[in-house]
C-alpha cells in the first residue's frame, strides 16, 4: 500500500495549524513557522510532490532500508 493507494490529506485550521491526515485520521499537526513554510510549498506543488512533502512532514517515508517481500 503506497501513496497512490492511501494518500495523505491536509487542511489548515483557523489558527494556522496544518493538519495532515491519512485514512481519515489526523497523523500529525504542524504549527508556527514550519506550518507556514510547508503550506507555501504545498500551494506550489503538484499532486505527486504534495504527497511526498506530506510524507516527509509526518516522517512516514521510505529511508532506503526497507525489504521487499
Protein backbone atom coordinates (compact mmCIF):
# COMPACT_ATOMS: atom_id res chain seq x y z
CA UNK A 1 0.00 0.00 0.00
CA UNK A 2 1.61 3.22 -1.17
CA UNK A 3 0.82 6.88 -1.51
CA UNK A 4 -1.30 6.21 -4.60
CA UNK A 5 -3.49 3.71 -2.74
CA UNK A 6 -3.71 5.61 0.56
CA UNK A 7 -2.84 9.30 0.00
CA UNK A 8 -2.32 11.97 2.63
CA UNK A 9 -4.84 14.81 3.03
CA UNK A 10 -4.23 18.19 4.60
CA UNK A 11 -6.17 21.20 5.80
CA UNK A 12 -5.44 24.46 7.56
CA UNK A 13 -7.32 25.46 10.71
CA UNK A 14 -8.47 28.99 11.53
CA UNK A 15 -5.49 29.48 13.85
CA UNK A 16 -2.97 28.48 11.15
CA UNK A 17 -2.25 24.88 12.16
CA UNK A 18 -1.67 22.43 9.33
CA UNK A 19 -3.41 19.09 9.97
CA UNK A 20 -2.10 16.14 7.97
CA UNK A 21 -4.33 13.06 7.81
CA UNK A 22 -4.27 9.67 6.18
CA UNK A 23 -7.11 7.20 6.06
CA UNK A 24 -9.43 9.70 7.73
CA UNK A 25 -7.25 10.08 10.84
CA UNK A 26 -5.03 13.03 11.73
CA UNK A 27 -1.46 11.75 11.85
CA UNK A 28 0.34 14.99 12.65
CA UNK A 29 -0.24 18.65 13.40
CA UNK A 30 2.28 21.24 12.24
CA UNK A 31 2.30 24.70 13.81
CA UNK A 32 4.07 28.02 13.56
CA UNK A 33 6.74 28.84 11.02
CA UNK A 34 7.09 25.19 9.99
CA UNK A 35 3.40 25.17 9.02
CA UNK A 36 3.78 28.44 7.09
CA UNK A 37 6.81 27.15 5.22
CA UNK A 38 5.19 23.82 4.34
CA UNK A 39 1.93 25.50 3.31
CA UNK A 40 3.83 27.70 0.85
CA UNK A 41 5.46 24.64 -0.69
CA UNK A 42 2.17 22.71 -0.81
CA UNK A 43 0.41 25.52 -2.66
CA UNK A 44 3.03 25.41 -5.43
CA UNK A 45 3.38 21.62 -5.60
CA UNK A 46 1.76 19.15 -7.98
CA UNK A 47 -0.11 16.09 -6.75
CA UNK A 48 2.89 13.75 -6.53
CA UNK A 49 5.13 16.34 -4.91
CA UNK A 50 2.36 17.18 -2.41
CA UNK A 51 2.21 13.55 -1.30
CA UNK A 52 5.98 13.40 -0.85
CA UNK A 53 6.07 16.67 1.10
CA UNK A 54 3.34 15.42 3.43
CA UNK A 55 5.03 12.05 3.86
CA UNK A 56 8.29 13.76 4.81
CA UNK A 57 6.47 16.08 7.22
CA UNK A 58 5.00 13.09 9.05
CA UNK A 59 8.21 11.09 9.00
CA UNK A 60 6.37 8.37 7.05
CA UNK A 61 8.57 7.87 4.01
CA UNK A 62 10.99 5.27 2.73
CA UNK A 63 14.51 5.58 4.05
CA UNK A 64 16.00 3.06 1.61
CA UNK A 65 16.42 0.24 4.11
CA UNK A 66 13.03 -1.45 3.75
CA UNK A 67 12.96 -5.01 2.48
CA UNK A 68 10.69 -6.03 -0.33
CA UNK A 69 8.65 -9.12 0.45
